[in-house]
């Protein structure tokens, strides 16, 4: 599917159209991944990046890649301690 987006000229300063498109796709992927709307694999596909680049972007933009709640983590620690 193709999506057409009107972008003000001032967004184009110091970047090409391709760079802006890639940046918008990455930001959208990170946002949808963070909100749980798509998986990491789906986000990689949408952004057009490999998993390593996506994980690096997650780190750069403080997007959590591990989704443990506190009780799950406590249970795992308890199981490890019990051997």
Protein backbone atom coordinates (compact mmCIF):
# COMPACT_ATOMS: atom_id res chain seq x y z
CA UNK A 1 0.00 0.00 0.00
CA UNK A 2 1.15 3.51 -0.70
CA UNK A 3 0.52 6.45 1.60
CA UNK A 4 0.84 10.08 0.52
CA UNK A 5 1.92 12.61 3.13
CA UNK A 6 2.22 16.38 2.72
CA UNK A 7 5.42 17.54 4.42
CA UNK A 8 6.32 21.19 5.00
CA UNK A 9 9.48 22.31 3.21
CA UNK A 10 11.32 23.13 6.44
CA UNK A 11 11.37 19.40 7.28
CA UNK A 12 13.57 18.86 4.24
CA UNK A 13 16.49 20.98 5.46
CA UNK A 14 19.71 18.94 5.41
CA UNK A 15 18.05 15.66 4.38
CA UNK A 16 16.83 13.93 1.29
CA UNK A 17 13.31 12.70 0.72
CA UNK A 18 14.54 9.12 1.18
CA UNK A 19 16.16 9.99 4.52
CA UNK A 20 12.97 11.65 5.75
CA UNK A 21 10.82 8.70 4.64
CA UNK A 22 13.15 6.26 6.43
CA UNK A 23 13.11 8.38 9.59
CA UNK A 24 9.31 8.62 9.62
CA UNK A 25 8.98 4.86 9.08
CA UNK A 26 11.42 4.14 11.92
CA UNK A 27 9.66 6.52 14.32
CA UNK A 28 6.27 5.06 13.44
CA UNK A 29 7.62 1.54 13.95
CA UNK A 30 9.09 2.42 17.33
CA UNK A 31 5.84 4.04 18.45
CA UNK A 32 3.68 1.11 17.31
CA UNK A 33 6.08 -1.39 18.89
CA UNK A 34 6.17 0.54 22.17
CA UNK A 35 2.36 0.61 22.31
CA UNK A 36 2.10 -3.12 21.55
CA UNK A 37 0.38 -2.66 18.18
CA UNK A 38 3.05 -4.61 16.27
CA UNK A 39 5.74 -7.14 17.11
CA UNK A 40 9.45 -6.45 16.89
CA UNK A 41 9.55 -8.42 13.63
CA UNK A 42 6.66 -6.38 12.24
CA UNK A 43 8.37 -3.17 13.30
CA UNK A 44 11.57 -4.23 11.54
CA UNK A 45 9.68 -5.02 8.38
CA UNK A 46 7.74 -1.74 8.45
CA UNK A 47 10.88 0.32 9.09
CA UNK A 48 12.90 -1.61 6.52
CA UNK A 49 15.72 -2.40 8.96
CA UNK A 50 17.21 -5.59 10.35
CA UNK A 51 16.66 -6.67 13.95
CA UNK A 52 20.05 -5.36 15.10
CA UNK A 53 19.39 -1.87 13.74
CA UNK A 54 15.90 -1.90 15.25
CA UNK A 55 17.23 -2.90 18.67
CA UNK A 56 19.88 -0.15 18.41
CA UNK A 57 17.10 2.36 17.65
CA UNK A 58 15.10 1.05 20.62
CA UNK A 59 18.09 1.69 22.85
CA UNK A 60 18.71 5.14 21.35
CA UNK A 61 15.08 6.21 21.84
CA UNK A 62 14.55 4.44 25.19
CA UNK A 63 12.03 1.89 23.94
CA UNK A 64 11.91 -1.16 26.22
CA UNK A 65 12.49 -4.45 24.44
CA UNK A 66 11.74 -6.65 27.46
CA UNK A 67 8.21 -6.59 28.82
CA UNK A 68 8.28 -8.22 32.25
CA UNK A 69 6.05 -7.10 35.00
CA UNK A 70 7.44 -7.16 38.51
CA UNK A 71 5.69 -10.37 39.63
CA UNK A 72 6.95 -12.32 36.59
CA UNK A 73 10.50 -11.20 37.31
CA UNK A 74 10.21 -12.13 40.99
CA UNK A 75 8.90 -15.59 40.05
CA UNK A 76 11.83 -16.16 37.70
CA UNK A 77 14.35 -15.10 40.35
CA UNK A 78 12.66 -17.40 42.85
CA UNK A 79 12.84 -20.36 40.41
CA UNK A 80 16.52 -19.68 39.70
CA UNK A 81 17.32 -19.47 43.43
CA UNK A 82 15.56 -22.81 44.06
CA UNK A 83 17.71 -24.44 41.44
